[in-house]
Protein backbone atom coordinates (compact mmCIF):
# COMPACT_ATOMS: atom_id res chain seq x y z
CA MET A 1 18.29 11.69 -6.87
CA ILE A 2 14.80 12.10 -5.18
CA THR A 3 12.33 14.33 -7.06
CA LYS A 4 9.52 16.51 -5.67
CA SER A 5 6.80 13.84 -7.09
CA HIS A 6 8.36 11.07 -4.38
CA GLN A 7 7.66 13.65 -1.53
CA SER A 8 4.32 14.07 0.20
CA LYS A 9 3.42 17.48 1.52
CA ARG A 10 3.96 15.89 5.05
CA GLY A 11 7.39 15.75 3.88
CA ALA A 12 7.64 11.94 3.61
CA VAL A 13 10.32 10.79 1.43
CA VAL A 14 9.79 7.27 -1.11
CA PHE A 15 12.44 5.92 -2.65
CA PRO A 16 12.65 5.17 -6.64
CA LYS A 17 12.89 1.36 -5.61
CA HIS A 18 10.22 1.78 -3.14
CA GLN A 19 7.73 3.73 -5.10
CA LYS A 20 7.73 0.58 -7.31
CA VAL A 21 5.78 -1.36 -4.33
CA LEU A 22 3.19 1.70 -4.45
CA ASN A 23 2.84 1.30 -8.33
CA ASP A 24 2.55 -2.24 -8.15
CA LEU A 25 -0.21 -2.01 -5.94
CA ALA A 26 -2.11 1.03 -7.92
CA GLU A 27 -1.76 -1.73 -10.78
CA ASN A 28 -3.37 -4.37 -8.93
CA ILE A 29 -6.05 -2.16 -7.18
CA ILE A 30 -6.86 -1.10 -11.30
CA LEU A 31 -6.92 -4.60 -12.39
CA ALA A 32 -9.39 -5.95 -8.94
CA MET A 33 -11.81 -2.83 -10.38
CA LYS A 34 -11.55 -3.63 -13.72
CA ARG A 35 -12.20 -7.68 -13.27
CA ARG A 36 -15.17 -6.60 -10.65
CA GLN A 37 -16.62 -3.64 -12.69
CA ILE A 38 -16.05 -1.15 -10.83
CA THR A 39 -15.90 2.43 -12.01
CA GLN A 40 -14.06 5.19 -10.08
CA ASP A 41 -17.68 7.20 -9.41
CA MET A 42 -18.68 3.74 -7.97
CA MET A 43 -15.53 3.64 -5.96
CA HIS A 44 -16.32 7.41 -4.84
CA ARG A 45 -19.69 6.45 -3.98
CA ARG A 46 -19.02 3.73 -1.76
CA THR A 47 -16.14 5.05 0.09
CA GLY A 48 -16.55 8.56 0.05
CA ILE A 49 -13.34 9.38 -1.39
CA SER A 50 -12.93 12.28 -3.42
CA LYS A 51 -11.87 11.55 -7.05
CA PRO A 52 -8.76 13.09 -7.00
CA THR A 53 -7.55 10.95 -4.33
CA LEU A 54 -8.75 7.74 -6.06
CA ARG A 55 -6.63 9.13 -9.05
CA LYS A 56 -3.79 9.51 -6.94
CA ILE A 57 -4.12 6.33 -5.62
CA ALA A 58 -4.54 4.80 -9.34
CA LYS A 59 -1.06 6.26 -9.33
CA GLY A 60 0.30 4.84 -6.54
CA ASP A 61 1.31 8.65 -4.79
CA PRO A 62 2.69 7.94 -1.56
CA SER A 63 0.87 11.28 -0.09
CA VAL A 64 -2.34 9.20 -0.13
CA SER A 65 -2.88 8.01 3.75
CA ILE A 66 -3.40 4.28 4.39
CA GLY A 67 -6.43 4.77 5.50
CA HIS A 68 -8.04 5.69 2.14
CA TYR A 69 -5.95 2.30 0.40
CA VAL A 70 -7.41 0.29 3.00
CA ASN A 71 -11.34 1.80 2.17
CA VAL A 72 -10.55 1.12 -1.17
CA LEU A 73 -9.10 -2.59 -0.74
CA ALA A 74 -12.25 -3.34 1.57
CA VAL A 75 -14.80 -2.37 -1.28
CA LEU A 76 -12.59 -4.52 -3.55
CA GLY A 77 -12.68 -7.38 -0.85
CA LEU A 78 -8.96 -7.48 -0.95
CA LEU A 79 -8.60 -5.92 3.03
CA ALA A 80 -7.61 -9.54 4.04
CA ASP A 81 -4.47 -9.20 2.11
CA LEU A 82 -3.37 -6.35 3.85
CA GLY A 83 -3.13 -8.49 7.01
CA LYS A 84 -0.38 -11.22 5.35
CA VAL A 85 2.12 -7.81 5.23
CA ALA A 86 5.22 -8.80 7.46
CA LEU A 87 2.95 -11.88 8.77
CA ASP A 88 5.86 -14.55 8.08
CA ASP A 89 9.01 -12.12 9.20
CA GLU A 90 11.70 -14.31 8.37
CA LEU A 91 14.76 -12.05 9.23
CA GLY A 92 13.21 -11.02 12.35
CA ARG A 93 12.98 -14.81 13.35
CA LYS A 94 16.57 -15.30 12.60
CA LEU A 95 17.78 -12.36 14.45
CA GLN A 96 15.88 -13.32 17.45
CA ASP A 97 17.45 -16.96 17.20
CA ILE A 98 20.79 -15.62 17.05
CA GLU A 99 20.15 -13.87 20.12
CA LEU A 100 18.73 -16.77 21.66
CA LEU A 101 21.87 -18.84 20.80
CA LYS A 102 24.08 -16.43 22.31
CA LYS A 103 21.94 -16.43 25.35
CA ALA A 104 22.41 -20.51 25.88
CA ARG A 105 26.03 -20.30 25.69
């Protein structure tokens, strides 16, 4: 069952097993801020993101735009990590290879 807390104002649904990914990201962001001694106030000043939205990011709230997550990761020097998402598309390559083998026959 999907609870209201897993829906954004725009109606996007994030299933509980996918919410864990956002929760892990939030935890990693919090740890990175602590390691760098960047407070929420400092992050607010550097990104222009409101403090309530920063609190939502720290909770892995799916209603926060990816652009806000990008700005936070940039301040932390971790934006390049986002470019690694889907970089090695193993499943996509396998599906493509299957089609290529079918055509070769």
